Amino acid sequence: METSPTAAPLAELIVRNGRKKGKRRPLKGPITIVGSTQGCDVRLDVPNVRPIHCLIALGVDGPHLRSWGADDTLVNGAPVLTRLLRDGDLLKVGAFEFEVRWTVPWRKRLTRSR
């Protein structure tokens, strides 16, 4: 099965701290909701994480972050409300730290064939 250049990227969050360090959380749908309430795709049931804290929407150019408060959502140490995430960015939500990993399937295939 061929993957077209317009296919959504494959993306995941890798936990970088705490007892679940190293656990991978795939970003499965077009939108991943991160928060403390039941029903969130990435549930972080701890203080300082809002019921719906932020969301990550997958686009052909990568995952886009939208937060409801820049004071407690950081990317590479800087507070953000919206941002296109890049492969390797560090996302901090409350006390949780994640490494953002994503690959556009057709770019990955082209790189391997060189």
PDB file of N, CA and C in Angstrom:
ATOM      1  N   MET A   1       0.836  -1.176   0.000  1.00  0.00           N
ATOM      2  CA  MET A   1       0.000   0.000   0.000  1.00  0.00           C
ATOM      3  C   MET A   1       0.883   1.242   0.000  1.00  0.00           C
ATOM      4  N   GLU A   2       0.707   2.110  -0.963  1.00  0.00           N
ATOM      5  CA  GLU A   2       1.492   3.333  -1.076  1.00  0.00           C
ATOM      6  C   GLU A   2       0.943   4.406  -0.142  1.00  0.00           C
ATOM      7  N   THR A   3       1.835   5.198   0.420  1.00  0.00           N
ATOM      8  CA  THR A   3       1.450   6.322   1.261  1.00  0.00           C
ATOM      9  C   THR A   3       1.641   7.596   0.467  1.00  0.00           C
ATOM     10  N   SER A   4       0.592   8.408   0.381  1.00  0.00           N
ATOM     11  CA  SER A   4       0.689   9.635  -0.399  1.00  0.00           C
ATOM     12  C   SER A   4       1.382  10.724   0.412  1.00  0.00           C
ATOM     13  N   PRO A   5       1.950  11.726  -0.264  1.00  0.00           N
ATOM     14  CA  PRO A   5       2.603  12.832   0.429  1.00  0.00           C
ATOM     15  C   PRO A   5       1.659  13.621   1.333  1.00  0.00           C
ATOM     16  N   THR A   6       0.349  13.497   1.142  1.00  0.00           N
ATOM     17  CA  THR A   6      -0.588  14.242   1.965  1.00  0.00           C
ATOM     18  C   THR A   6      -1.063  13.453   3.181  1.00  0.00           C
ATOM     19  N   ALA A   7      -0.551  12.253   3.396  1.00  0.00           N
ATOM     20  CA  ALA A   7      -0.954  11.467   4.560  1.00  0.00           C
ATOM     21  C   ALA A   7      -0.493  12.154   5.840  1.00  0.00           C
ATOM     22  N   ALA A   8      -1.283  11.993   6.903  1.00  0.00           N
ATOM     23  CA  ALA A   8      -0.930  12.592   8.188  1.00  0.00           C
ATOM     24  C   ALA A   8       0.316  11.921   8.753  1.00  0.00           C
ATOM     25  N   PRO A   9       1.112  12.678   9.498  1.00  0.00           N
ATOM     26  CA  PRO A   9       2.313  12.116  10.101  1.00  0.00           C
ATOM     27  C   PRO A   9       1.991  11.066  11.148  1.00  0.00           C
ATOM     28  N   LEU A  10       2.934  10.178  11.374  1.00  0.00           N
ATOM     29  CA  LEU A  10       2.859   9.246  12.481  1.00  0.00           C
ATOM     30  C   LEU A  10       3.516   9.943  13.652  1.00  0.00           C
ATOM     31  N   ALA A  11       2.799  10.054  14.784  1.00  0.00           N
ATOM     32  CA  ALA A  11       3.328  10.826  15.899  1.00  0.00           C
ATOM     33  C   ALA A  11       3.095  10.104  17.213  1.00  0.00           C
ATOM     34  N   GLU A  12       3.958  10.428  18.194  1.00  0.00           N
ATOM     35  CA  GLU A  12       3.805   9.869  19.524  1.00  0.00           C
ATOM     36  C   GLU A  12       4.471  10.783  20.541  1.00  0.00           C
ATOM     37  N   LEU A  13       4.072  10.614  21.786  1.00  0.00           N
ATOM     38  CA  LEU A  13       4.698  11.282  22.913  1.00  0.00           C
ATOM     39  C   LEU A  13       5.427  10.212  23.713  1.00  0.00           C
ATOM     40  N   ILE A  14       6.660  10.487  24.107  1.00  0.00           N
ATOM     41  CA  ILE A  14       7.429   9.563  24.927  1.00  0.00           C
ATOM     42  C   ILE A  14       7.608  10.209  26.297  1.00  0.00           C
ATOM     43  N   VAL A  15       7.144   9.517  27.352  1.00  0.00           N
ATOM     44  CA  VAL A  15       7.245  10.035  28.715  1.00  0.00           C
ATOM     45  C   VAL A  15       8.718  10.108  29.095  1.00  0.00           C
ATOM     46  N   ARG A  16       9.155  11.258  29.622  1.00  0.00           N
ATOM     47  CA  ARG A  16      10.565  11.486  29.948  1.00  0.00           C
ATOM     48  C   ARG A  16      10.848  11.559  31.446  1.00  0.00           C
ATOM     49  N   ASN A  17       9.808  11.434  32.288  1.00  0.00           N
ATOM     50  CA  ASN A  17      10.053  11.476  33.729  1.00  0.00           C
ATOM     51  C   ASN A  17       9.002  10.634  34.454  1.00  0.00           C
ATOM     52  N   GLY A  18       9.235  10.399  35.733  1.00  0.00           N
ATOM     53  CA  GLY A  18       8.272   9.668  36.544  1.00  0.00           C
ATOM     54  C   GLY A  18       8.357   8.167  36.375  1.00  0.00           C
ATOM     55  N   ARG A  19       7.410   7.483  36.992  1.00  0.00           N
ATOM     56  CA  ARG A  19       7.450   6.014  36.982  1.00  0.00           C
ATOM     57  C   ARG A  19       7.124   5.402  35.626  1.00  0.00           C
ATOM     58  N   LYS A  20       6.533   6.168  34.739  1.00  0.00           N
ATOM     59  CA  LYS A  20       6.227   5.659  33.390  1.00  0.00           C
ATOM     60  C   LYS A  20       7.230   6.141  32.351  1.00  0.00           C
ATOM     61  N   LYS A  21       8.409   6.535  32.808  1.00  0.00           N
ATOM     62  CA  LYS A  21       9.464   7.014  31.913  1.00  0.00           C
ATOM     63  C   LYS A  21       9.715   5.992  30.808  1.00  0.00           C
ATOM     64  N   GLY A  22       9.779   6.477  29.567  1.00  0.00           N
ATOM     65  CA  GLY A  22      10.014   5.612  28.411  1.00  0.00           C
ATOM     66  C   GLY A  22       8.742   5.099  27.752  1.00  0.00           C
ATOM     67  N   LYS A  23       7.592   5.214  28.426  1.00  0.00           N
ATOM     68  CA  LYS A  23       6.329   4.755  27.844  1.00  0.00           C
ATOM     69  C   LYS A  23       5.971   5.628  26.642  1.00  0.00           C
ATOM     70  N   ARG A  24       5.500   4.991  25.600  1.00  0.00           N
ATOM     71  CA  ARG A  24       5.131   5.688  24.370  1.00  0.00           C
ATOM     72  C   ARG A  24       3.625   5.828  24.297  1.00  0.00           C
ATOM     73  N   ARG A  25       3.170   7.045  23.976  1.00  0.00           N
ATOM     74  CA  ARG A  25       1.748   7.337  23.846  1.00  0.00           C
ATOM     75  C   ARG A  25       1.480   7.762  22.403  1.00  0.00           C
ATOM     76  N   PRO A  26       1.011   6.861  21.551  1.00  0.00           N
ATOM     77  CA  PRO A  26       0.761   7.236  20.154  1.00  0.00           C
ATOM     78  C   PRO A  26      -0.349   8.276  20.037  1.00  0.00           C
ATOM     79  N   LEU A  27      -0.170   9.197  19.112  1.00  0.00           N
ATOM     80  CA  LEU A  27      -1.204  10.176  18.790  1.00  0.00           C
ATOM     81  C   LEU A  27      -2.001   9.573  17.645  1.00  0.00           C
ATOM     82  N   LYS A  28      -3.095   8.902  17.977  1.00  0.00           N
ATOM     83  CA  LYS A  28      -3.809   8.054  17.026  1.00  0.00           C
ATOM     84  C   LYS A  28      -4.754   8.796  16.098  1.00  0.00           C
ATOM     85  N   GLY A  29      -5.489   9.727  16.618  1.00  0.00           N
ATOM     86  CA  GLY A  29      -6.511  10.373  15.812  1.00  0.00           C
ATOM     87  C   GLY A  29      -6.065  11.701  15.273  1.00  0.00           C
ATOM     88  N   PRO A  30      -6.959  12.363  14.576  1.00  0.00           N
ATOM     89  CA  PRO A  30      -6.608  13.692  14.077  1.00  0.00           C
ATOM     90  C   PRO A  30      -6.408  14.681  15.222  1.00  0.00           C
ATOM     91  N   ILE A  31      -7.076  14.414  16.377  1.00  0.00           N
ATOM     92  CA  ILE A  31      -6.918  15.267  17.558  1.00  0.00           C
ATOM     93  C   ILE A  31      -6.714  14.382  18.778  1.00  0.00           C
ATOM     94  N   THR A  32      -5.711  14.723  19.587  1.00  0.00           N
ATOM     95  CA  THR A  32      -5.447  14.040  20.852  1.00  0.00           C
ATOM     96  C   THR A  32      -5.655  15.048  21.964  1.00  0.00           C
ATOM     97  N   ILE A  33      -6.531  14.708  22.915  1.00  0.00           N
ATOM     98  CA  ILE A  33      -6.815  15.602  24.038  1.00  0.00           C
ATOM     99  C   ILE A  33      -6.001  15.139  25.242  1.00  0.00           C
ATOM    100  N   VAL A  34      -5.289  16.099  25.857  1.00  0.00           N
ATOM    101  CA  VAL A  34      -4.462  15.845  27.029  1.00  0.00           C
ATOM    102  C   VAL A  34      -5.087  16.571  28.204  1.00  0.00           C
ATOM    103  N   GLY A  35      -5.337  15.845  29.300  1.00  0.00           N
ATOM    104  CA  GLY A  35      -5.919  16.476  30.480  1.00  0.00           C
ATOM    105  C   GLY A  35      -6.114  15.489  31.603  1.00  0.00           C
ATOM    106  N   SER A  36      -6.796  15.940  32.654  1.00  0.00           N
ATOM    107  CA  SER A  36      -6.964  15.104  33.842  1.00  0.00           C
ATOM    108  C   SER A  36      -8.315  14.409  33.924  1.00  0.00           C
ATOM    109  N   THR A  37      -9.237  14.723  33.038  1.00  0.00           N
ATOM    110  CA  THR A  37     -10.571  14.147  33.130  1.00  0.00           C
ATOM    111  C   THR A  37     -10.682  12.823  32.368  1.00  0.00           C
ATOM    112  N   GLN A  38     -11.636  12.017  32.805  1.00  0.00           N
ATOM    113  CA  GLN A  38     -11.892  10.776  32.079  1.00  0.00           C
ATOM    114  C   GLN A  38     -12.290  11.122  30.659  1.00  0.00           C
ATOM    115  N   GLY A  39     -11.884  10.293  29.733  1.00  0.00           N
ATOM    116  CA  GLY A  39     -12.184  10.532  28.336  1.00  0.00           C
ATOM    117  C   GLY A  39     -11.060  11.213  27.572  1.00  0.00           C
ATOM    118  N   CYS A  40     -10.073  11.765  28.276  1.00  0.00           N
ATOM    119  CA  CYS A  40      -8.922  12.344  27.570  1.00  0.00           C
ATOM    120  C   CYS A  40      -8.106  11.213  26.950  1.00  0.00           C
ATOM    121  N   ASP A  41      -7.540  11.472  25.792  1.00  0.00           N
ATOM    122  CA  ASP A  41      -6.714  10.472  25.117  1.00  0.00           C
ATOM    123  C   ASP A  41      -5.426  10.209  25.886  1.00  0.00           C
ATOM    124  N   VAL A  42      -4.849  11.269  26.445  1.00  0.00           N
ATOM    125  CA  VAL A  42      -3.681  11.154  27.328  1.00  0.00           C
ATOM    126  C   VAL A  42      -4.143  11.727  28.663  1.00  0.00           C
ATOM    127  N   ARG A  43      -4.447  10.828  29.608  1.00  0.00           N
ATOM    128  CA  ARG A  43      -4.982  11.260  30.902  1.00  0.00           C
ATOM    129  C   ARG A  43      -3.863  11.390  31.920  1.00  0.00           C
ATOM    130  N   LEU A  44      -3.763  12.583  32.516  1.00  0.00           N
ATOM    131  CA  LEU A  44      -2.757  12.894  33.519  1.00  0.00           C
ATOM    132  C   LEU A  44      -3.504  13.338  34.778  1.00  0.00           C
ATOM    133  N   ASP A  45      -3.865  12.390  35.599  1.00  0.00           N
ATOM    134  CA  ASP A  45      -4.718  12.645  36.753  1.00  0.00           C
ATOM    135  C   ASP A  45      -3.874  13.068  37.950  1.00  0.00           C
ATOM    136  N   VAL A  46      -3.363  14.300  37.896  1.00  0.00           N
ATOM    137  CA  VAL A  46      -2.527  14.864  38.959  1.00  0.00           C
ATOM    138  C   VAL A  46      -2.873  16.340  39.120  1.00  0.00           C
ATOM    139  N   PRO A  47      -2.494  16.929  40.281  1.00  0.00           N
ATOM    140  CA  PRO A  47      -2.703  18.375  40.444  1.00  0.00           C
ATOM    141  C   PRO A  47      -1.949  19.157  39.363  1.00  0.00           C
ATOM    142  N   ASN A  48      -2.417  20.342  39.065  1.00  0.00           N
ATOM    143  CA  ASN A  48      -1.806  21.257  38.090  1.00  0.00           C
ATOM    144  C   ASN A  48      -2.019  20.851  36.637  1.00  0.00           C
ATOM    145  N   VAL A  49      -2.862  19.846  36.388  1.00  0.00           N
ATOM    146  CA  VAL A  49      -3.264  19.519  35.019  1.00  0.00           C
ATOM    147  C   VAL A  49      -4.771  19.741  34.955  1.00  0.00           C
ATOM    148  N   ARG A  50      -5.198  20.648  34.091  1.00  0.00           N
ATOM    149  CA  ARG A  50      -6.614  20.976  33.951  1.00  0.00           C
ATOM    150  C   ARG A  50      -7.388  19.796  33.356  1.00  0.00           C
ATOM    151  N   PRO A  51      -8.713  19.768  33.554  1.00  0.00           N
ATOM    152  CA  PRO A  51      -9.508  18.672  32.986  1.00  0.00           C
ATOM    153  C   PRO A  51      -9.255  18.494  31.485  1.00  0.00           C
ATOM    154  N   ILE A  52      -9.259  19.578  30.740  1.00  0.00           N
ATOM    155  CA  ILE A  52      -8.796  19.559  29.347  1.00  0.00           C
ATOM    156  C   ILE A  52      -7.678  20.588  29.291  1.00  0.00           C
ATOM    157  N   HIS A  53      -6.462  20.097  29.279  1.00  0.00           N
ATOM    158  CA  HIS A  53      -5.285  20.956  29.423  1.00  0.00           C
ATOM    159  C   HIS A  53      -4.811  21.501  28.075  1.00  0.00           C
ATOM    160  N   CYS A  54      -4.698  20.604  27.105  1.00  0.00           N
ATOM    161  CA  CYS A  54      -4.265  21.014  25.763  1.00  0.00           C
ATOM    162  C   CYS A  54      -4.704  19.946  24.777  1.00  0.00           C
ATOM    163  N   LEU A  55      -4.543  20.254  23.523  1.00  0.00           N
ATOM    164  CA  LEU A  55      -4.798  19.249  22.493  1.00  0.00           C
ATOM    165  C   LEU A  55      -3.703  19.308  21.448  1.00  0.00           C
ATOM    166  N   ILE A  56      -3.541  18.196  20.767  1.00  0.00           N
ATOM    167  CA  ILE A  56      -2.561  18.101  19.683  1.00  0.00           C
ATOM    168  C   ILE A  56      -3.322  17.628  18.452  1.00  0.00           C
ATOM    169  N   ALA A  57      -3.295  18.448  17.415  1.00  0.00           N
ATOM    170  CA  ALA A  57      -3.969  18.128  16.153  1.00  0.00           C
ATOM    171  C   ALA A  57      -2.907  17.777  15.122  1.00  0.00           C
ATOM    172  N   LEU A  58      -3.091  16.636  14.461  1.00  0.00           N
ATOM    173  CA  LEU A  58      -2.129  16.204  13.446  1.00  0.00           C
ATOM    174  C   LEU A  58      -2.473  16.809  12.102  1.00  0.00           C
ATOM    175  N   GLY A  59      -1.472  17.409  11.477  1.00  0.00           N
ATOM    176  CA  GLY A  59      -1.607  17.949  10.130  1.00  0.00           C
ATOM    177  C   GLY A  59      -0.491  17.386   9.262  1.00  0.00           C
ATOM    178  N   VAL A  60      -0.529  17.638   7.988  1.00  0.00           N
ATOM    179  CA  VAL A  60       0.507  17.110   7.099  1.00  0.00           C
ATOM    180  C   VAL A  60       1.877  17.706   7.399  1.00  0.00           C
ATOM    181  N   ASP A  61       1.900  18.870   8.052  1.00  0.00           N
ATOM    182  CA  ASP A  61       3.179  19.489   8.397  1.00  0.00           C
ATOM    183  C   ASP A  61       3.630  19.143   9.816  1.00  0.00           C
ATOM    184  N   GLY A  62       2.868  18.316  10.518  1.00  0.00           N
ATOM    185  CA  GLY A  62       3.252  17.876  11.845  1.00  0.00           C
ATOM    186  C   GLY A  62       2.170  18.109  12.873  1.00  0.00           C
ATOM    187  N   PRO A  63       2.467  17.799  14.126  1.00  0.00           N
ATOM    188  CA  PRO A  63       1.490  17.980  15.192  1.00  0.00           C
ATOM    189  C   PRO A  63       1.442  19.438  15.656  1.00  0.00           C
ATOM    190  N   HIS A  64       0.228  19.968  15.802  1.00  0.00           N
ATOM    191  CA  HIS A  64       0.001  21.338  16.263  1.00  0.00           C
ATOM    192  C   HIS A  64      -0.542  21.296  17.682  1.00  0.00           C
ATOM    193  N   LEU A  65       0.079  22.037  18.594  1.00  0.00           N
ATOM    194  CA  LEU A  65      -0.343  22.107  19.985  1.00  0.00           C
ATOM    195  C   LEU A  65      -1.226  23.320  20.197  1.00  0.00           C
ATOM    196  N   ARG A  66      -2.295  23.140  20.978  1.00  0.00           N
ATOM    197  CA  ARG A  66      -3.147  24.253  21.415  1.00  0.00           C
ATOM    198  C   ARG A  66      -3.398  24.063  22.900  1.00  0.00           C
ATOM    199  N   SER A  67      -2.973  25.022  23.704  1.00  0.00           N
ATOM    200  CA  SER A  67      -3.121  24.954  25.149  1.00  0.00           C
ATOM    201  C   SER A  67      -4.150  25.967  25.614  1.00  0.00           C
ATOM    202  N   TRP A  68      -4.751  25.701  26.769  1.00  0.00           N
ATOM    203  CA  TRP A  68      -5.697  26.646  27.341  1.00  0.00           C
ATOM    204  C   TRP A  68      -5.049  27.532  28.389  1.00  0.00           C
ATOM    205  N   GLY A  69      -3.719  27.445  28.543  1.00  0.00           N
ATOM    206  CA  GLY A  69      -3.009  28.313  29.475  1.00  0.00           C
ATOM    207  C   GLY A  69      -1.519  28.185  29.281  1.00  0.00           C
ATOM    208  N   ALA A  70      -0.887  29.232  28.822  1.00  0.00           N
ATOM    209  CA  ALA A  70       0.551  29.169  28.507  1.00  0.00           C
ATOM    210  C   ALA A  70       1.408  29.078  29.753  1.00  0.00           C
ATOM    211  N   ASP A  71       0.850  29.403  30.909  1.00  0.00           N
ATOM    212  CA  ASP A  71       1.673  29.397  32.114  1.00  0.00           C
ATOM    213  C   ASP A  71       2.090  27.999  32.546  1.00  0.00           C
ATOM    214  N   ASP A  72       1.355  26.973  32.150  1.00  0.00           N
ATOM    215  CA  ASP A  72       1.696  25.620  32.593  1.00  0.00           C
ATOM    216  C   ASP A  72       1.793  24.606  31.459  1.00  0.00           C
ATOM    217  N   THR A  73       1.936  25.088  30.238  1.00  0.00           N
ATOM    218  CA  THR A  73       2.220  24.237  29.088  1.00  0.00           C
ATOM    219  C   THR A  73       3.474  24.801  28.431  1.00  0.00           C
ATOM    220  N   LEU A  74       4.544  24.027  28.457  1.00  0.00           N
ATOM    221  CA  LEU A  74       5.832  24.503  27.965  1.00  0.00           C
ATOM    222  C   LEU A  74       6.321  23.627  26.820  1.00  0.00           C
ATOM    223  N   VAL A  75       6.958  24.245  25.841  1.00  0.00           N
ATOM    224  CA  VAL A  75       7.654  23.526  24.774  1.00  0.00           C
ATOM    225  C   VAL A  75       9.093  24.005  24.788  1.00  0.00           C
ATOM    226  N   ASN A  76      10.001  23.079  25.007  1.00  0.00           N
ATOM    227  CA  ASN A  76      11.427  23.389  25.118  1.00  0.00           C
ATOM    228  C   ASN A  76      11.679  24.488  26.152  1.00  0.00           C
ATOM    229  N   GLY A  77      10.915  24.436  27.257  1.00  0.00           N
ATOM    230  CA  GLY A  77      11.099  25.366  28.361  1.00  0.00           C
ATOM    231  C   GLY A  77      10.374  26.690  28.238  1.00  0.00           C
ATOM    232  N   ALA A  78       9.742  26.957  27.098  1.00  0.00           N
ATOM    233  CA  ALA A  78       9.054  28.233  26.878  1.00  0.00           C
ATOM    234  C   ALA A  78       7.538  28.031  26.948  1.00  0.00           C
ATOM    235  N   PRO A  79       6.821  28.938  27.632  1.00  0.00           N
ATOM    236  CA  PRO A  79       5.363  28.835  27.686  1.00  0.00           C
ATOM    237  C   PRO A  79       4.749  29.071  26.303  1.00  0.00           C
ATOM    238  N   VAL A  80       3.702  28.282  25.982  1.00  0.00           N
ATOM    239  CA  VAL A  80       3.057  28.406  24.670  1.00  0.00           C
ATOM    240  C   VAL A  80       1.544  28.274  24.781  1.00  0.00           C
ATOM    241  N   LEU A  81       0.856  28.925  23.862  1.00  0.00           N
ATOM    242  CA  LEU A  81      -0.581  28.715  23.665  1.00  0.00           C
ATOM    243  C   LEU A  81      -0.810  27.887  22.409  1.00  0.00           C
ATOM    244  N   THR A  82      -0.112  28.229  21.328  1.00  0.00           N
ATOM    245  CA  THR A  82      -0.201  27.452  20.091  1.00  0.00           C
ATOM    246  C   THR A  82       1.198  27.313  19.511  1.00  0.00           C
ATOM    247  N   ARG A  83       1.419  26.184  18.863  1.00  0.00           N
ATOM    248  CA  ARG A  83       2.734  25.981  18.256  1.00  0.00           C
ATOM    249  C   ARG A  83       2.725  24.708  17.414  1.00  0.00           C
ATOM    250  N   LEU A  84       3.433  24.763  16.289  1.00  0.00           N
ATOM    251  CA  LEU A  84       3.710  23.568  15.509  1.00  0.00           C
ATOM    252  C   LEU A  84       4.852  22.842  16.220  1.00  0.00           C
ATOM    253  N   LEU A  85       4.619  21.605  16.591  1.00  0.00           N
ATOM    254  CA  LEU A  85       5.638  20.830  17.287  1.00  0.00           C
ATOM    255  C   LEU A  85       6.569  20.176  16.279  1.00  0.00           C
ATOM    256  N   ARG A  86       7.833  20.113  16.631  1.00  0.00           N
ATOM    257  CA  ARG A  86       8.832  19.486  15.766  1.00  0.00           C
ATOM    258  C   ARG A  86       9.318  18.193  16.401  1.00  0.00           C
ATOM    259  N   ASP A  87       9.809  17.307  15.585  1.00  0.00           N
ATOM    260  CA  ASP A  87      10.384  16.062  16.068  1.00  0.00           C
ATOM    261  C   ASP A  87      11.492  16.380  17.070  1.00  0.00           C
ATOM    262  N   GLY A  88      11.397  15.818  18.272  1.00  0.00           N
ATOM    263  CA  GLY A  88      12.398  16.043  19.301  1.00  0.00           C
ATOM    264  C   GLY A  88      12.064  17.135  20.293  1.00  0.00           C
ATOM    265  N   ASP A  89      10.999  17.922  20.049  1.00  0.00           N
ATOM    266  CA  ASP A  89      10.600  18.949  21.011  1.00  0.00           C
ATOM    267  C   ASP A  89      10.261  18.299  22.344  1.00  0.00           C
ATOM    268  N   LEU A  90      10.469  19.058  23.432  1.00  0.00           N
ATOM    269  CA  LEU A  90      10.104  18.600  24.765  1.00  0.00           C
ATOM    270  C   LEU A  90       8.865  19.366  25.213  1.00  0.00           C
ATOM    271  N   LEU A  91       7.807  18.628  25.496  1.00  0.00           N
ATOM    272  CA  LEU A  91       6.532  19.186  25.922  1.00  0.00           C
ATOM    273  C   LEU A  91       6.365  18.914  27.412  1.00  0.00           C
ATOM    274  N   LYS A  92       6.048  19.964  28.182  1.00  0.00           N
ATOM    275  CA  LYS A  92       5.803  19.800  29.609  1.00  0.00           C
ATOM    276  C   LYS A  92       4.373  20.220  29.910  1.00  0.00           C
ATOM    277  N   VAL A  93       3.617  19.292  30.508  1.00  0.00           N
ATOM    278  CA  VAL A  93       2.236  19.523  30.908  1.00  0.00           C
ATOM    279  C   VAL A  93       2.174  19.223  32.397  1.00  0.00           C
ATOM    280  N   GLY A  94       1.969  20.262  33.212  1.00  0.00           N
ATOM    281  CA  GLY A  94       2.049  20.062  34.653  1.00  0.00           C
ATOM    282  C   GLY A  94       3.437  19.540  34.996  1.00  0.00           C
ATOM    283  N   ALA A  95       3.487  18.445  35.741  1.00  0.00           N
ATOM    284  CA  ALA A  95       4.773  17.845  36.116  1.00  0.00           C
ATOM    285  C   ALA A  95       5.285  16.842  35.080  1.00  0.00           C
ATOM    286  N   PHE A  96       4.492  16.541  34.058  1.00  0.00           N
ATOM    287  CA  PHE A  96       4.868  15.533  33.068  1.00  0.00           C
ATOM    288  C   PHE A  96       5.694  16.129  31.936  1.00  0.00           C
ATOM    289  N   GLU A  97       6.733  15.432  31.551  1.00  0.00           N
ATOM    290  CA  GLU A  97       7.568  15.822  30.414  1.00  0.00           C
ATOM    291  C   GLU A  97       7.488  14.740  29.350  1.00  0.00           C
ATOM    292  N   PHE A  98       7.297  15.182  28.114  1.00  0.00           N
ATOM    293  CA  PHE A  98       7.195  14.273  26.973  1.00  0.00           C
ATOM    294  C   PHE A  98       8.150  14.729  25.875  1.00  0.00           C
ATOM    295  N   GLU A  99       8.707  13.760  25.176  1.00  0.00           N
ATOM    296  CA  GLU A  99       9.437  14.056  23.944  1.00  0.00           C
ATOM    297  C   GLU A  99       8.479  13.811  22.793  1.00  0.00           C
ATOM    298  N   VAL A 100       8.404  14.757  21.885  1.00  0.00           N
ATOM    299  CA  VAL A 100       7.536  14.642  20.713  1.00  0.00           C
ATOM    300  C   VAL A 100       8.313  13.927  19.619  1.00  0.00           C
ATOM    301  N   ARG A 101       7.737  12.874  19.071  1.00  0.00           N
ATOM    302  CA  ARG A 101       8.350  12.155  17.945  1.00  0.00           C
ATOM    303  C   ARG A 101       7.314  12.100  16.827  1.00  0.00           C
ATOM    304  N   TRP A 102       7.723  12.452  15.630  1.00  0.00           N
ATOM    305  CA  TRP A 102       6.823  12.307  14.484  1.00  0.00           C
ATOM    306  C   TRP A 102       7.627  12.147  13.209  1.00  0.00           C
ATOM    307  N   THR A 103       7.026  11.436  12.292  1.00  0.00           N
ATOM    308  CA  THR A 103       7.641  11.169  11.004  1.00  0.00           C
ATOM    309  C   THR A 103       6.572  11.227   9.926  1.00  0.00           C
ATOM    310  N   VAL A 104       6.843  11.929   8.865  1.00  0.00           N
ATOM    311  CA  VAL A 104       5.950  11.900   7.712  1.00  0.00           C
ATOM    312  C   VAL A 104       6.336  10.649   6.928  1.00  0.00           C
ATOM    313  N   PRO A 105       5.411   9.696   6.752  1.00  0.00           N
ATOM    314  CA  PRO A 105       5.772   8.403   6.144  1.00  0.00           C
ATOM    315  C   PRO A 105       6.502   8.511   4.810  1.00  0.00           C
ATOM    316  N   TRP A 106       6.074   9.399   3.912  1.00  0.00           N
ATOM    317  CA  TRP A 106       6.732   9.457   2.602  1.00  0.00           C
ATOM    318  C   TRP A 106       8.127  10.037   2.707  1.00  0.00           C
ATOM    319  N   ARG A 107       8.396  10.942   3.635  1.00  0.00           N
ATOM    320  CA  ARG A 107       9.753  11.470   3.821  1.00  0.00           C
ATOM    321  C   ARG A 107      10.672  10.395   4.364  1.00  0.00           C
ATOM    322  N   LYS A 108      10.166   9.609   5.283  1.00  0.00           N
ATOM    323  CA  LYS A 108      10.954   8.529   5.868  1.00  0.00           C
ATOM    324  C   LYS A 108      11.364   7.540   4.768  1.00  0.00           C
ATOM    325  N   ARG A 109      10.416   7.213   3.898  1.00  0.00           N
ATOM    326  CA  ARG A 109      10.688   6.264   2.808  1.00  0.00           C
ATOM    327  C   ARG A 109      11.728   6.837   1.852  1.00  0.00           C
ATOM    328  N   LEU A 110      11.635   8.138   1.525  1.00  0.00           N
ATOM    329  CA  LEU A 110      12.607   8.747   0.622  1.00  0.00           C
ATOM    330  C   LEU A 110      14.004   8.756   1.237  1.00  0.00           C
ATOM    331  N   THR A 111      14.097   9.008   2.540  1.00  0.00           N
ATOM    332  CA  THR A 111      15.385   9.047   3.218  1.00  0.00           C
ATOM    333  C   THR A 111      16.044   7.681   3.186  1.00  0.00           C
ATOM    334  N   ARG A 112      15.287   6.631   3.381  1.00  0.00           N
ATOM    335  CA  ARG A 112      15.832   5.275   3.387  1.00  0.00           C
ATOM    336  C   ARG A 112      16.346   4.858   2.007  1.00  0.00           C
ATOM    337  N   SER A 113      15.741   5.368   0.941  1.00  0.00           N
ATOM    338  CA  SER A 113      16.124   4.910  -0.400  1.00  0.00           C
ATOM    339  C   SER A 113      17.384   5.587  -0.924  1.00  0.00           C
ATOM    340  N   ARG A 114      17.897   6.564  -0.203  1.00  0.00           N
ATOM    341  CA  ARG A 114      19.101   7.270  -0.680  1.00  0.00           C
ATOM    342  C   ARG A 114      20.344   6.493  -0.424  1.00  0.00           C
TER     343      ARG A 114
END
